[in-house]
C-alpha atoms as a PDB file:
ATOM      1  CA  VAL A   1       5.900 -21.405  10.044  1.00  0.00           C
ATOM      2  CA  GLN A   2       4.368 -18.204   9.425  1.00  0.00           C
ATOM      3  CA  LEU A   3       6.052 -14.821   8.581  1.00  0.00           C
ATOM      4  CA  VAL A   4       3.891 -11.778   8.078  1.00  0.00           C
ATOM      5  CA  GLU A   5       5.475  -8.252   6.953  1.00  0.00           C
ATOM      6  CA  SER A   6       4.075  -4.956   7.346  1.00  0.00           C
ATOM      7  CA  GLY A   7       4.988  -1.347   6.983  1.00  0.00           C
ATOM      8  CA  GLY A   8       5.728  -0.858   3.210  1.00  0.00           C
ATOM      9  CA  GLY A   9       4.167   2.220   1.279  1.00  0.00           C
ATOM     10  CA  LEU A  10       4.994   5.108  -0.579  1.00  0.00           C
ATOM     11  CA  VAL A  11       7.561   7.622   0.295  1.00  0.00           C
ATOM     12  CA  GLN A  12       9.457  10.328  -1.147  1.00  0.00           C
ATOM     13  CA  PRO A  13      13.196  10.249  -1.723  1.00  0.00           C
ATOM     14  CA  GLY A  14      14.947  10.751   1.442  1.00  0.00           C
ATOM     15  CA  GLY A  15      12.244   9.523   3.496  1.00  0.00           C
ATOM     16  CA  SER A  16      12.008   6.785   6.017  1.00  0.00           C
ATOM     17  CA  LEU A  17       9.933   3.544   6.591  1.00  0.00           C
ATOM     18  CA  ARG A  18      10.079   0.914   9.092  1.00  0.00           C
ATOM     19  CA  LEU A  19       9.277  -2.621   8.066  1.00  0.00           C
ATOM     20  CA  SER A  20       8.206  -5.120  10.347  1.00  0.00           C
ATOM     21  CA  CYS A  21       8.140  -9.085  10.008  1.00  0.00           C
ATOM     22  CA  ALA A  22       5.885 -10.828  12.826  1.00  0.00           C
ATOM     23  CA  ALA A  23       7.155 -14.584  13.291  1.00  0.00           C
ATOM     24  CA  SER A  24       5.171 -17.603  14.414  1.00  0.00           C
ATOM     25  CA  GLY A  25       5.319 -21.352  14.506  1.00  0.00           C
ATOM     26  CA  PHE A  26       9.072 -21.968  15.138  1.00  0.00           C
ATOM     27  CA  ALA A  27      11.626 -20.762  18.039  1.00  0.00           C
ATOM     28  CA  PHE A  28      12.232 -17.331  16.932  1.00  0.00           C
ATOM     29  CA  SER A  29      15.254 -16.494  18.936  1.00  0.00           C
ATOM     30  CA  ASN A  30      17.006 -19.768  17.978  1.00  0.00           C
ATOM     31  CA  TYR A  31      17.332 -18.531  14.324  1.00  0.00           C
ATOM     32  CA  ASP A  32      18.963 -15.773  12.074  1.00  0.00           C
ATOM     33  CA  MET A  33      16.942 -13.678  10.268  1.00  0.00           C
ATOM     34  CA  SER A  34      17.044 -11.899   7.119  1.00  0.00           C
ATOM     35  CA  TRP A  35      15.219  -9.396   4.605  1.00  0.00           C
ATOM     36  CA  TYR A  36      15.581  -9.523   1.149  1.00  0.00           C
ATOM     37  CA  ARG A  37      14.120  -7.248  -1.705  1.00  0.00           C
ATOM     38  CA  GLN A  38      13.046  -7.704  -5.385  1.00  0.00           C
ATOM     39  CA  ALA A  39      12.639  -4.998  -7.539  1.00  0.00           C
ATOM     40  CA  PRO A  40      10.649  -5.560 -10.986  1.00  0.00           C
ATOM     41  CA  GLY A  41      12.595  -7.479 -13.550  1.00  0.00           C
ATOM     42  CA  LYS A  42      15.416  -8.093 -11.290  1.00  0.00           C
ATOM     43  CA  GLU A  43      16.402 -11.198  -8.993  1.00  0.00           C
ATOM     44  CA  ARG A  44      15.457 -11.382  -5.335  1.00  0.00           C
ATOM     45  CA  GLU A  45      18.674  -9.857  -3.296  1.00  0.00           C
ATOM     46  CA  LEU A  46      19.573 -10.130   0.210  1.00  0.00           C
ATOM     47  CA  VAL A  47      19.414  -6.835   2.078  1.00  0.00           C
ATOM     48  CA  ALA A  48      20.541  -7.765   5.713  1.00  0.00           C
ATOM     49  CA  THR A  49      20.822 -10.562   8.242  1.00  0.00           C
ATOM     50  CA  ILE A  50      20.817 -10.516  11.724  1.00  0.00           C
ATOM     51  CA  THR A  51      21.897 -13.320  14.046  1.00  0.00           C
ATOM     52  CA  SER A  52      19.614 -14.959  16.619  1.00  0.00           C
ATOM     53  CA  GLY A  53      20.842 -12.856  19.462  1.00  0.00           C
ATOM     54  CA  GLY A  54      20.734  -9.780  17.444  1.00  0.00           C
ATOM     55  CA  ASP A  55      24.258  -8.923  18.309  1.00  0.00           C
ATOM     56  CA  ILE A  56      25.527  -9.221  14.746  1.00  0.00           C
ATOM     57  CA  ALA A  57      24.335  -7.876  11.367  1.00  0.00           C
ATOM     58  CA  ASN A  58      25.163  -7.781   8.082  1.00  0.00           C
ATOM     59  CA  TYR A  59      24.048  -5.438   5.025  1.00  0.00           C
ATOM     60  CA  GLU A  60      24.265  -5.281   1.325  1.00  0.00           C
ATOM     61  CA  ASP A  61      26.545  -2.690   0.153  1.00  0.00           C
ATOM     62  CA  SER A  62      24.101  -0.170  -1.292  1.00  0.00           C
ATOM     63  CA  VAL A  63      22.167  -0.037   1.903  1.00  0.00           C
ATOM     64  CA  LYS A  64      24.903   0.201   4.557  1.00  0.00           C
ATOM     65  CA  GLY A  65      25.000   3.439   6.616  1.00  0.00           C
ATOM     66  CA  ARG A  66      21.216   3.885   5.557  1.00  0.00           C
ATOM     67  CA  PHE A  67      19.211   0.604   6.724  1.00  0.00           C
ATOM     68  CA  THR A  68      19.259  -1.068  10.182  1.00  0.00           C
ATOM     69  CA  ILE A  69      17.901  -4.498  10.924  1.00  0.00           C
ATOM     70  CA  SER A  70      16.927  -5.399  14.391  1.00  0.00           C
ATOM     71  CA  ARG A  71      14.778  -7.890  16.459  1.00  0.00           C
ATOM     72  CA  ASP A  72      12.707  -8.255  19.583  1.00  0.00           C
ATOM     73  CA  ASN A  73      12.893 -11.781  20.587  1.00  0.00           C
ATOM     74  CA  ALA A  74      10.134 -11.408  23.057  1.00  0.00           C
ATOM     75  CA  LYS A  75       7.628 -10.244  20.396  1.00  0.00           C
ATOM     76  CA  LYS A  76       9.171 -12.501  17.744  1.00  0.00           C
ATOM     77  CA  THR A  77       9.346  -9.633  15.391  1.00  0.00           C
ATOM     78  CA  VAL A  78      12.309  -8.495  13.099  1.00  0.00           C
ATOM     79  CA  TYR A  79      12.412  -4.986  11.642  1.00  0.00           C
ATOM     80  CA  LEU A  80      14.088  -3.093   9.083  1.00  0.00           C
ATOM     81  CA  GLN A  81      14.439   0.465   9.637  1.00  0.00           C
ATOM     82  CA  MET A  82      15.342   2.532   6.030  1.00  0.00           C
ATOM     83  CA  ASN A  83      16.523   5.863   6.255  1.00  0.00           C
ATOM     84  CA  SER A  84      17.509   8.049   3.191  1.00  0.00           C
ATOM     85  CA  LEU A  85      15.479   6.112   0.837  1.00  0.00           C
ATOM     86  CA  LYS A  86      16.128   6.386  -2.931  1.00  0.00           C
ATOM     87  CA  PRO A  87      14.197   5.425  -5.871  1.00  0.00           C
ATOM     88  CA  GLU A  88      16.347   2.516  -6.548  1.00  0.00           C
ATOM     89  CA  ASP A  89      15.085   0.979  -3.060  1.00  0.00           C
ATOM     90  CA  THR A  90      11.787   0.304  -4.658  1.00  0.00           C
ATOM     91  CA  ALA A  91      11.070  -3.163  -4.358  1.00  0.00           C
ATOM     92  CA  ALA A  92       9.024  -5.936  -2.576  1.00  0.00           C
ATOM     93  CA  TYR A  93      10.619  -6.817   0.587  1.00  0.00           C
ATOM     94  CA  TYR A  94      10.456 -10.133   2.416  1.00  0.00           C
ATOM     95  CA  CYS A  95      11.812 -11.593   5.668  1.00  0.00           C
ATOM     96  CA  THR A  96      12.922 -15.216   5.705  1.00  0.00           C
ATOM     97  CA  LEU A  97      13.896 -17.944   8.081  1.00  0.00           C
ATOM     98  CA  GLN A  98      17.354 -18.816   6.596  1.00  0.00           C
ATOM     99  CA  GLY A  99      15.677 -18.978   3.020  1.00  0.00           C
ATOM    100  CA  HIS A 100      13.590 -22.062   3.744  1.00  0.00           C
ATOM    101  CA  TYR A 101      10.485 -19.917   4.746  1.00  0.00           C
ATOM    102  CA  TRP A 102       9.560 -16.619   3.434  1.00  0.00           C
ATOM    103  CA  GLY A 103       6.482 -13.967   3.986  1.00  0.00           C
ATOM    104  CA  GLN A 104       4.160 -12.548   1.538  1.00  0.00           C
ATOM    105  CA  GLY A 105       6.144  -9.229   0.999  1.00  0.00           C
ATOM    106  CA  THR A 106       5.256  -5.590   1.569  1.00  0.00           C
ATOM    107  CA  GLN A 107       6.083  -3.185  -1.296  1.00  0.00           C
ATOM    108  CA  VAL A 108       8.212  -0.328  -0.746  1.00  0.00           C
ATOM    109  CA  THR A 109       8.016   2.538  -3.363  1.00  0.00           C
ATOM    110  CA  VAL A 110      10.241   5.436  -3.260  1.00  0.00           C
ATOM    111  CA  SER A 111       9.070   8.348  -5.669  1.00  0.00           C
ATOM    112  CA  SER A 112       8.468  12.100  -5.782  1.00  0.00           C
END
């Protein structure tokens, strides 16, 4: 199993980023996928989850209405569209296969 995140960077408050997680080594379309984040000095927290077919998504309360998780099963990729970013969204963002396999993370920094 391999999960490779990309798309992080430095963005001003109110800006947007789209994270991608390219998956390989397993039957991607059979599994729910999630994004987590971890800020310095804090525990890793669940941000969003999407079902295997992409029909149901759930979000942590602080990102509802601002973030959108989606997936393309043909490309074996899960995305996290992040809009209206806030400084408190600053963290390393990780995709995971049901908490058992993790990517290396991509850093998102929201700062003016």
